[in-house]
Amino acid sequence: MTIDRLITGGRVFIDGSYQPLDIAIANGTIAAIGTPGAFDGTSGDVVDAGNRLVFPGVIDSHFHSRAPSHPERETFATATAAAAAGGVTTLIEMPISEPPAINGEVVRSRGLLVESEAYVDVGFYASCGTLRREDLESSIEAGALAFKGFLQQVPPGRESEFEGLCLPTNGELLQAFELLRDYDLPCAFHPEDEAMLRMLRSRLQAEGRRDGLAHAEHRPDYVEAVSVATLLQLADHFGVHLQVPHVSSRITVNLIREAKARGVRVTAETCPQYLQFDASDLDRLGPYAVCNPPLKSPDDRVALWEAIADGTIDTIASDHSPFTAAEKDRALDDIWLSPPGFPGVEVLAPFVIGAALEGRITHARLNELIFVNPARIFGLKPRKGVIRPGADADLMLYDPDLRSTFDSSTFTSKAKAIGKIWDGVPRAGTVTTTLLRGEVVYHDGVVTGVSGAGRALMRIAG
């Protein structure tokens, strides 16, 4: 057997435990897996994993790059370099950009940009908000992995980024489901009720509220849950695969759990920020803790961990959302001016792996949450998310003993200046090496890959 690279001395999670195994790589894929020494004497470069944990490359299934319209926030090059530094080898990008990904022409153009700039692989959500069948079909032909819609009006000042993405009325949402039932792709919607958001914001602004906690009071748990309940009913009626992103509250968890029990095609995602922080951090950090949906209560955090343990939540993703410090700072005295989000792609793997190392989740659930389930949901199985012969040789070496705290100033992301919410949070272990199709793209703090080595991904049929 001809081997290009051999990963030796690592421990791979197989059959419920970490086992010492060597991984042989040829032509960018895993050629074979064997016991230590099984491939001794073969040609090829040898990477000594040094008893580290060896995982598949992480699939971050909720990601924003902003490229190419806001290079001051992030580019495909900087965003995917940050992904490599975080052990993430596959990104699934949301359709917000200029122009937004509303049809196959735009999806295809984003794919070309990926293949000229990206350090890791990228797949795409396309919009379902235009309500035009030809747009849905052209997006699928261009390789879209999923559809996304927003149940809110186009945000003022961001019209060029959101035009064609938004479905603010139930009538428009119904039309979307009538179209989506004909395509077997996951369909995600940002679930917060528009009419409630407008009313609550008007009330709080009339009271003169501009503090950080006003953001949480503007978007309480029931605003999310009302939208999720509507989406679940429509998904049940039309047989659409509903993907619920960034679940943040107990009542939403309960709705999804009940829907799964009665057979609704629904999968659910949460993000590290909802598992680590709560609304009090808005009082502490103001705009630097603003995300949508907002951080909720400590009880909601408990409910999310419970939902991860029992399988109600299928995936954890970053919702990496880059902006500049200047954009956040303008909201220091008026929270309504803050853009929503902060960087997270470099947090995702250490946070979830750390939760397993600390005993908060099982190692089997860890493998499902950021490897196996995203590959299954988004049609990338068996190419991604697993260590087995025939899969892409996307791998991450992880040292569980290098324990520290997160420090956003060391992030690779161009948006690291707005990542301060993570500063000081304990980190159990760290990513030491990332490989994309057998090539080392990150090692010991340095991005070593080649810009443009990433590929635009298409869904695998079946």
Protein backbone atom coordinates (compact mmCIF):
# COMPACT_ATOMS: atom_id res chain seq x y z
CA MET A 1 0.00 0.00 0.00
CA THR A 2 1.30 3.46 -0.93
CA ILE A 3 0.93 5.89 1.96
CA ASP A 4 1.39 9.67 1.70
CA ARG A 5 1.21 10.33 5.43
CA LEU A 6 0.93 8.23 8.58
CA ILE A 7 -0.56 9.48 11.86
CA THR A 8 0.92 7.34 14.60
CA GLY A 9 0.87 7.33 18.38
CA GLY A 10 -2.61 8.81 18.79
CA ARG A 11 -5.78 7.67 20.52
CA VAL A 12 -9.00 7.42 18.48
CA PHE A 13 -12.51 7.11 19.94
CA ILE A 14 -13.91 3.83 18.59
CA ASP A 15 -16.49 1.46 20.11
CA GLY A 16 -16.96 3.56 23.23
CA SER A 17 -13.35 4.19 24.22
CA TYR A 18 -10.12 5.84 23.10
CA GLN A 19 -7.84 3.26 21.49
CA PRO A 20 -4.26 3.54 20.23
CA LEU A 21 -4.51 3.39 16.45
CA ASP A 22 -2.42 4.42 13.46
CA ILE A 23 -4.07 6.15 10.48
CA ALA A 24 -2.71 5.74 6.97
CA ILE A 25 -3.52 8.51 4.48
CA ALA A 26 -3.34 8.32 0.70
CA ASN A 27 -4.60 10.74 -1.96
CA GLY A 28 -6.31 12.92 0.64
CA THR A 29 -8.42 10.15 2.16
CA ILE A 30 -8.03 7.67 5.00
CA ALA A 31 -6.62 4.54 3.36
CA ALA A 32 -6.52 2.30 6.41
CA ILE A 33 -6.63 2.21 10.20
CA GLY A 34 -4.52 -0.25 12.17
CA THR A 35 -3.03 -1.10 15.52
CA PRO A 36 0.24 0.65 16.45
CA GLY A 37 3.01 -0.50 14.15
CA ALA A 38 0.69 -1.98 11.54
CA PHE A 39 2.13 0.27 8.83
CA ASP A 40 5.77 0.27 9.90
CA GLY A 41 8.15 0.30 6.98
CA THR A 42 5.77 2.01 4.58
CA SER A 43 6.85 5.13 2.75
CA GLY A 44 5.42 8.56 3.46
CA ASP A 45 5.62 11.35 5.98
CA VAL A 46 5.06 10.33 9.61
CA VAL A 47 3.22 12.55 12.11
CA ASP A 48 3.74 11.50 15.72
CA ALA A 49 0.53 12.33 17.60
CA GLY A 50 2.35 11.96 20.91
CA ASN A 51 -0.51 10.15 22.69
CA ARG A 52 -2.90 12.99 21.84
CA LEU A 53 -6.56 12.42 21.07
CA VAL A 54 -7.26 12.13 17.34
CA PHE A 55 -10.66 13.32 16.12
CA PRO A 56 -12.22 13.94 12.72
CA GLY A 57 -12.10 17.57 11.66
CA VAL A 58 -14.93 19.50 13.30
CA ILE A 59 -17.97 20.45 11.22
CA ASP A 60 -19.17 23.91 12.26
CA SER A 61 -22.67 23.98 10.80
CA HIS A 62 -23.58 27.60 11.65
CA PHE A 63 -21.07 30.17 10.48
CA HIS A 64 -20.93 33.69 9.04
CA SER A 65 -17.92 35.02 7.15
CA ARG A 66 -19.39 38.29 5.73
CA ALA A 67 -17.13 37.81 2.68
CA PRO A 68 -16.63 39.45 0.30
CA SER A 69 -18.59 42.54 1.33
CA HIS A 70 -16.98 43.42 4.67
CA PRO A 71 -13.25 42.60 4.63
CA GLU A 72 -12.81 44.76 7.73
CA ARG A 73 -14.88 42.15 9.61
CA GLU A 74 -13.62 38.93 8.03
CA THR A 75 -12.65 37.42 4.67
CA PHE A 76 -12.87 33.82 3.55
CA ALA A 77 -9.11 33.65 4.08
CA THR A 78 -9.17 34.98 7.65
CA ALA A 79 -12.36 33.12 8.59
CA THR A 80 -11.11 29.77 7.36
CA ALA A 81 -7.67 30.29 8.86
CA ALA A 82 -9.44 30.79 12.20
CA ALA A 83 -11.38 27.60 11.53
CA ALA A 84 -8.16 25.67 10.94
CA ALA A 85 -6.76 27.03 14.20
CA GLY A 86 -9.87 25.70 15.95
CA GLY A 87 -9.70 22.21 14.49
CA VAL A 88 -12.61 22.96 12.16
CA THR A 89 -12.18 21.57 8.64
CA THR A 90 -15.73 22.04 7.36
CA LEU A 91 -17.83 25.20 7.63
CA ILE A 92 -21.46 25.55 6.59
CA GLU A 93 -22.01 29.21 5.89
CA MET A 94 -25.24 31.14 6.41
CA PRO A 95 -26.49 33.13 3.39
CA ILE A 96 -26.03 36.67 4.76
CA SER A 97 -23.68 38.62 2.51
CA GLU A 98 -23.68 41.23 -0.24
CA PRO A 99 -25.26 39.88 -2.31
CA PRO A 100 -27.00 37.29 -0.10
CA ALA A 101 -27.09 33.69 -1.30
CA ILE A 102 -30.58 33.80 -2.80
CA ASN A 103 -30.02 31.70 -5.94
CA GLY A 104 -27.61 29.39 -7.68
CA GLU A 105 -25.66 32.18 -9.33
CA VAL A 106 -24.71 33.65 -5.96
CA VAL A 107 -24.03 30.25 -4.36
CA ARG A 108 -21.76 29.37 -7.28
CA SER A 109 -19.89 32.68 -7.01
CA ARG A 110 -19.31 32.06 -3.30
CA GLY A 111 -17.94 28.64 -4.14
CA LEU A 112 -15.44 30.17 -6.54
CA LEU A 113 -14.39 32.62 -3.83
CA VAL A 114 -13.89 29.75 -1.38
CA GLU A 115 -11.69 27.89 -3.82
CA SER A 116 -9.53 30.96 -4.34
CA GLU A 117 -9.14 31.94 -0.66
CA ALA A 118 -10.19 29.29 1.85
CA TYR A 119 -7.92 27.19 4.04
CA VAL A 120 -10.68 24.65 4.84
CA ASP A 121 -13.81 23.33 3.12
CA VAL A 122 -17.02 25.35 3.02
CA GLY A 123 -20.60 24.38 2.23
CA PHE A 124 -23.50 26.77 1.87
CA TYR A 125 -26.96 27.53 3.09
CA ALA A 126 -29.10 29.21 0.43
CA SER A 127 -32.10 31.42 1.07
CA CYS A 128 -35.68 30.23 0.82
CA GLY A 129 -36.93 33.78 1.29
CA THR A 130 -37.47 34.79 -2.32
CA LEU A 131 -40.38 32.29 -2.56
CA ARG A 132 -39.34 31.47 -6.12
CA ARG A 133 -39.04 27.81 -7.07
CA GLU A 134 -36.42 28.61 -9.70
CA ASP A 135 -34.20 30.12 -7.00
CA LEU A 136 -34.46 27.03 -4.80
CA GLU A 137 -33.70 24.69 -7.69
CA SER A 138 -30.78 26.71 -9.00
CA SER A 139 -29.32 26.83 -5.48
CA ILE A 140 -29.55 23.05 -5.20
CA GLU A 141 -27.91 22.66 -8.60
CA ALA A 142 -25.10 24.96 -7.43
CA GLY A 143 -24.50 22.70 -4.42
CA ALA A 144 -26.45 24.23 -1.50
CA LEU A 145 -26.52 21.91 1.52
CA ALA A 146 -29.55 23.50 3.21
CA PHE A 147 -31.98 26.42 3.13
CA LYS A 148 -32.30 29.31 5.57
CA GLY A 149 -34.93 31.96 6.20
CA PHE A 150 -35.33 34.74 8.75
CA LEU A 151 -38.72 35.32 10.37
CA GLN A 152 -37.94 38.97 10.93
CA GLN A 153 -38.02 42.06 8.75
CA VAL A 154 -34.85 43.14 6.96
CA PRO A 155 -32.71 44.89 9.63
CA PRO A 156 -32.51 48.65 8.99
CA GLY A 157 -29.19 49.57 7.44
CA ARG A 158 -28.46 45.99 6.35
CA GLU A 159 -30.85 45.80 3.40
CA SER A 160 -28.18 44.73 0.92
CA GLU A 161 -27.16 41.82 3.16
CA PHE A 162 -30.67 40.52 3.92
CA GLU A 163 -32.76 41.28 0.83
CA GLY A 164 -34.44 38.03 -0.22
CA LEU A 165 -33.77 36.25 3.08
CA CYS A 166 -36.68 37.39 5.24
CA LEU A 167 -40.17 35.93 5.78
CA PRO A 168 -41.69 38.16 8.49
CA THR A 169 -45.32 37.03 8.16
CA ASN A 170 -46.93 33.63 8.64
CA GLY A 171 -48.39 33.90 5.15
CA GLU A 172 -44.92 34.14 3.63
CA LEU A 173 -43.72 31.33 5.88
CA LEU A 174 -46.58 29.11 4.69
CA GLN A 175 -45.61 29.77 1.07
CA ALA A 176 -42.04 28.79 1.88
CA PHE A 177 -43.10 25.45 3.36
CA GLU A 178 -45.33 24.76 0.38
CA LEU A 179 -42.22 25.00 -1.79
CA LEU A 180 -39.74 23.34 0.57
CA ARG A 181 -41.73 20.11 0.90
CA ASP A 182 -40.55 19.15 -2.59
CA TYR A 183 -36.85 19.18 -1.67
CA ASP A 184 -35.23 16.84 0.83
CA LEU A 185 -32.87 19.37 2.38
CA PRO A 186 -32.77 20.65 5.96
CA CYS A 187 -34.46 24.03 6.29
CA ALA A 188 -33.43 26.40 9.08
CA PHE A 189 -35.20 29.54 10.24
CA HIS A 190 -34.15 32.19 12.73
CA PRO A 191 -37.04 31.69 15.17
CA GLU A 192 -38.07 34.92 16.87
CA ASP A 193 -41.53 36.38 16.32
CA GLU A 194 -41.35 39.69 14.41
CA ALA A 195 -44.54 41.31 15.74
CA MET A 196 -43.54 40.62 19.35
CA LEU A 197 -40.03 41.95 18.75
CA ARG A 198 -41.39 45.22 17.34
CA MET A 199 -43.83 45.72 20.21
CA LEU A 200 -41.34 44.95 22.97
CA ARG A 201 -38.64 47.11 21.44
CA SER A 202 -41.01 50.06 21.09
CA ARG A 203 -42.10 49.71 24.71
CA LEU A 204 -38.55 49.50 26.08
CA GLN A 205 -37.36 52.43 23.98
CA ALA A 206 -40.32 54.50 25.12
CA GLU A 207 -39.21 53.80 28.69
CA GLY A 208 -35.76 55.14 27.84
CA ARG A 209 -34.03 51.80 28.21
CA ARG A 210 -30.62 51.61 26.53
CA ASP A 211 -28.79 49.30 28.94
CA GLY A 212 -27.48 45.84 28.10
CA LEU A 213 -30.27 43.95 29.84
CA ALA A 214 -32.81 45.69 27.61
CA HIS A 215 -31.54 43.47 24.80
CA ALA A 216 -32.56 40.33 26.70
CA GLU A 217 -35.92 41.83 27.72
CA HIS A 218 -36.56 42.74 24.09
CA ARG A 219 -36.20 39.09 23.04
CA PRO A 220 -37.52 36.88 25.91
CA ASP A 221 -37.86 33.10 25.74
CA TYR A 222 -41.48 33.09 24.56
CA VAL A 223 -40.56 35.16 21.49
CA GLU A 224 -38.35 32.28 20.37
CA ALA A 225 -40.83 29.60 21.44
CA VAL A 226 -43.84 31.07 19.60
CA SER A 227 -41.90 30.96 16.33
CA VAL A 228 -40.58 27.46 16.99
CA ALA A 229 -44.10 26.19 17.73
CA THR A 230 -45.31 27.57 14.39
CA LEU A 231 -42.35 26.09 12.53
CA LEU A 232 -42.89 22.67 14.12
CA GLN A 233 -46.54 22.61 13.09
CA LEU A 234 -45.69 23.52 9.51
CA ALA A 235 -42.85 21.01 9.37
CA ASP A 236 -45.19 18.30 10.67
CA HIS A 237 -47.90 19.13 8.15
CA PHE A 238 -45.64 19.42 5.10
CA GLY A 239 -43.06 16.76 6.02
CA VAL A 240 -40.20 19.25 5.80
CA HIS A 241 -36.93 18.59 7.64
CA LEU A 242 -36.79 21.52 10.07
CA GLN A 243 -33.42 22.51 11.51
CA VAL A 244 -33.82 24.80 14.54
CA PRO A 245 -30.67 26.92 14.97
CA HIS A 246 -29.20 28.44 18.14
CA VAL A 247 -31.78 27.04 20.60
CA SER A 248 -31.50 29.17 23.73
CA SER A 249 -34.40 28.42 26.12
CA ARG A 250 -36.09 25.71 28.16
CA ILE A 251 -39.51 26.19 26.59
CA THR A 252 -38.05 25.78 23.10
CA VAL A 253 -36.26 22.61 24.22
CA ASN A 254 -39.55 21.24 25.55
CA LEU A 255 -41.33 21.98 22.26
CA ILE A 256 -38.64 20.22 20.23
CA ARG A 257 -38.49 17.24 22.57
CA GLU A 258 -42.26 16.75 22.31
CA ALA A 259 -42.20 17.17 18.52
CA LYS A 260 -39.47 14.56 18.15
CA ALA A 261 -41.48 12.15 20.29
CA ARG A 262 -44.41 12.40 17.89
CA GLY A 263 -42.26 11.93 14.81
CA VAL A 264 -41.76 15.45 13.45
CA ARG A 265 -38.67 15.72 11.21
CA VAL A 266 -36.77 18.19 13.36
CA THR A 267 -33.14 18.55 14.34
CA ALA A 268 -31.82 21.17 16.72
CA GLU A 269 -28.64 23.11 17.37
CA THR A 270 -27.34 25.20 20.23
CA CYS A 271 -24.11 27.18 20.62
CA PRO A 272 -21.39 27.38 23.29
CA GLN A 273 -22.43 30.89 24.36
CA TYR A 274 -25.88 29.70 25.45
CA LEU A 275 -24.28 26.90 27.47
CA GLN A 276 -21.72 29.14 29.19
CA PHE A 277 -23.28 32.56 29.75
CA ASP A 278 -26.57 34.15 30.79
CA ALA A 279 -28.30 37.52 30.56
CA SER A 280 -26.26 38.94 33.45
CA ASP A 281 -23.30 39.03 31.07
CA LEU A 282 -25.14 41.70 29.08
CA ASP A 283 -24.99 43.87 32.19
CA ARG A 284 -21.27 43.12 32.50
CA LEU A 285 -20.18 43.42 28.85
CA GLY A 286 -22.97 45.33 27.11
CA PRO A 287 -22.65 45.09 23.31
CA TYR A 288 -19.83 42.55 23.58
CA ALA A 289 -22.39 40.03 24.89
CA VAL A 290 -25.09 40.85 22.33
CA CYS A 291 -26.19 37.97 20.11
CA ASN A 292 -29.54 36.94 18.64
CA PRO A 293 -31.34 35.21 20.22
CA PRO A 294 -29.95 36.74 23.39
CA LEU A 295 -28.40 35.01 26.35
CA LYS A 296 -31.12 33.75 28.67
CA SER A 297 -31.31 32.59 32.30
CA PRO A 298 -29.22 30.10 34.32
CA ASP A 299 -32.24 27.77 34.25
CA ASP A 300 -32.24 27.88 30.46
CA ARG A 301 -28.57 26.86 30.51
CA VAL A 302 -29.47 23.85 32.66
CA ALA A 303 -32.22 22.89 30.21
CA LEU A 304 -29.83 23.07 27.26
CA TRP A 305 -27.32 20.75 28.93
CA GLU A 306 -30.18 18.34 29.70
CA ALA A 307 -31.27 18.47 26.05
CA ILE A 308 -27.73 17.71 24.92
CA ALA A 309 -27.57 14.71 27.24
CA ASP A 310 -30.89 13.21 26.12
CA GLY A 311 -30.43 13.84 22.39
CA THR A 312 -33.04 16.58 21.97
CA ILE A 313 -30.25 18.82 20.71
CA ASP A 314 -28.39 17.23 17.80
CA THR A 315 -25.51 19.62 17.13
CA ILE A 316 -23.43 22.37 18.69
CA ALA A 317 -22.20 25.08 16.31
CA SER A 318 -20.42 28.38 16.80
CA ASP A 319 -22.66 30.96 15.08
CA HIS A 320 -19.35 32.72 14.41
CA SER A 321 -20.44 36.28 13.70
CA PRO A 322 -17.67 38.79 12.98
CA PHE A 323 -17.95 42.55 13.39
CA THR A 324 -15.43 45.26 14.29
CA ALA A 325 -14.73 46.73 17.70
CA ALA A 326 -15.83 50.13 16.38
CA GLU A 327 -19.24 48.68 15.51
CA LYS A 328 -19.60 47.27 19.02
CA ASP A 329 -18.20 50.37 20.76
CA ARG A 330 -20.79 52.68 19.25
CA ALA A 331 -23.35 50.79 21.35
CA LEU A 332 -21.60 51.16 24.69
CA ASP A 333 -24.16 53.76 25.77
CA ASP A 334 -27.06 52.54 23.64
CA ILE A 335 -27.50 48.76 23.33
CA TRP A 336 -29.91 49.15 20.40
CA LEU A 337 -26.96 50.17 18.19
CA SER A 338 -25.07 46.91 18.70
CA PRO A 339 -24.75 44.39 15.87
CA PRO A 340 -25.48 40.83 17.05
CA GLY A 341 -22.74 38.28 17.54
CA PHE A 342 -19.07 37.61 18.19
CA PRO A 343 -16.40 35.15 16.97
CA GLY A 344 -16.65 31.53 18.07
CA VAL A 345 -15.13 29.15 15.53
CA GLU A 346 -11.95 28.84 17.62
CA VAL A 347 -13.96 28.17 20.77
CA LEU A 348 -16.21 25.39 19.46
CA ALA A 349 -13.91 22.35 19.62
CA PRO A 350 -12.18 23.12 22.94
CA PHE A 351 -15.54 23.95 24.53
CA VAL A 352 -17.32 20.75 23.47
CA ILE A 353 -14.32 18.45 23.91
CA GLY A 354 -13.69 20.10 27.26
CA ALA A 355 -17.26 19.35 28.32
CA ALA A 356 -16.58 15.66 27.68
CA LEU A 357 -13.23 15.73 29.46
CA GLU A 358 -14.90 17.39 32.47
CA GLY A 359 -17.73 14.84 32.51
CA ARG A 360 -20.58 17.18 31.53
CA ILE A 361 -21.35 15.07 28.46
CA THR A 362 -20.27 11.61 27.37
CA HIS A 363 -17.55 11.15 24.79
CA ALA A 364 -20.09 9.39 22.58
CA ARG A 365 -22.26 12.54 22.64
CA LEU A 366 -19.18 14.66 21.88
CA ASN A 367 -18.61 12.66 18.71
CA GLU A 368 -22.24 13.03 17.68
CA LEU A 369 -22.52 16.76 18.37
CA ILE A 370 -19.68 18.19 16.26
CA PHE A 371 -18.73 15.34 13.94
CA VAL A 372 -21.28 12.63 13.15
CA ASN A 373 -24.60 14.49 13.36
CA PRO A 374 -23.66 17.54 11.30
CA ALA A 375 -22.28 15.25 8.59
CA ARG A 376 -25.53 13.28 8.59
CA ILE A 377 -27.89 16.27 8.72
CA PHE A 378 -26.16 18.23 5.96
CA GLY A 379 -25.54 15.36 3.55
CA LEU A 380 -21.76 15.06 4.04
CA LYS A 381 -21.75 11.50 5.35
CA PRO A 382 -19.61 9.34 4.94
CA ARG A 383 -17.04 11.77 3.56
CA LYS A 384 -16.87 13.98 6.65
CA GLY A 385 -17.23 13.58 10.40
CA VAL A 386 -15.73 10.09 10.77
CA ILE A 387 -12.38 8.35 10.94
CA ARG A 388 -12.71 5.33 8.67
CA PRO A 389 -11.31 4.16 5.34
CA GLY A 390 -12.64 6.17 2.42
CA ALA A 391 -13.43 9.32 4.41
CA ASP A 392 -11.57 12.55 3.78
CA ALA A 393 -8.42 12.67 5.90
CA ASP A 394 -9.69 15.68 7.85
CA LEU A 395 -8.21 15.23 11.31
CA MET A 396 -7.56 17.12 14.51
CA LEU A 397 -4.96 16.29 17.17
CA TYR A 398 -6.02 17.41 20.62
CA ASP A 399 -3.91 17.62 23.77
CA PRO A 400 -6.23 17.17 26.78
CA ASP A 401 -3.48 18.11 29.24
CA LEU A 402 -2.75 21.64 27.93
CA ARG A 403 -5.30 23.36 30.16
CA SER A 404 -5.63 27.12 30.30
CA THR A 405 -8.25 29.82 29.77
CA PHE A 406 -9.56 31.36 26.59
CA ASP A 407 -7.86 34.58 25.53
CA SER A 408 -9.50 36.33 22.58
CA SER A 409 -6.35 38.33 21.87
CA THR A 410 -4.75 35.10 20.65
CA PHE A 411 -7.59 34.24 18.23
CA THR A 412 -6.74 34.01 14.55
CA SER A 413 -10.07 35.52 13.49
CA LYS A 414 -9.98 39.08 12.20
CA ALA A 415 -12.85 39.75 14.63
CA LYS A 416 -10.87 38.74 17.71
CA ALA A 417 -11.25 42.21 19.24
CA ILE A 418 -14.95 41.53 19.88
CA GLY A 419 -14.42 38.06 21.38
CA LYS A 420 -13.82 39.30 24.92
CA ILE A 421 -16.87 37.45 26.30
CA TRP A 422 -14.69 34.32 26.21
CA ASP A 423 -11.74 35.83 28.08
CA GLY A 424 -10.92 33.90 31.24
CA VAL A 425 -13.30 30.98 30.60
CA PRO A 426 -11.49 27.70 31.49
CA ARG A 427 -10.34 25.61 28.54
CA ALA A 428 -9.73 21.89 29.03
CA GLY A 429 -7.09 21.04 26.47
CA THR A 430 -6.25 22.55 23.12
CA VAL A 431 -6.06 21.83 19.40
CA THR A 432 -2.43 21.23 18.44
CA THR A 433 -2.69 20.11 14.80
CA THR A 434 -5.33 20.23 12.06
CA LEU A 435 -5.17 18.30 8.79
CA LEU A 436 -7.33 18.86 5.71
CA ARG A 437 -7.34 15.91 3.33
CA GLY A 438 -4.08 14.75 4.87
CA GLU A 439 -2.27 18.09 4.64
CA VAL A 440 -1.28 19.90 7.84
CA VAL A 441 -3.07 23.26 7.81
CA TYR A 442 -2.43 24.24 11.44
CA HIS A 443 0.26 23.20 13.90
CA ASP A 444 1.27 24.51 17.31
CA GLY A 445 -0.20 27.99 16.95
CA VAL A 446 0.65 28.57 13.29
CA VAL A 447 -1.65 28.30 10.27
CA THR A 448 0.46 26.30 7.84
CA GLY A 449 -2.07 25.59 5.10
CA VAL A 450 -2.43 27.10 1.66
CA SER A 451 -5.02 29.75 0.90
CA GLY A 452 -7.26 28.28 -1.78
CA ALA A 453 -6.82 24.65 -0.69
CA GLY A 454 -10.37 24.59 0.66
CA ARG A 455 -13.16 23.24 -1.49
CA ALA A 456 -16.78 24.25 -1.97
CA LEU A 457 -18.81 21.27 -0.84
CA MET A 458 -21.87 19.72 -2.37
CA ARG A 459 -24.39 17.46 -0.67
CA ILE A 460 -23.92 13.71 -1.13
CA ALA A 461 -27.10 12.15 -2.50
CA GLY A 462 -28.86 9.76 -0.13
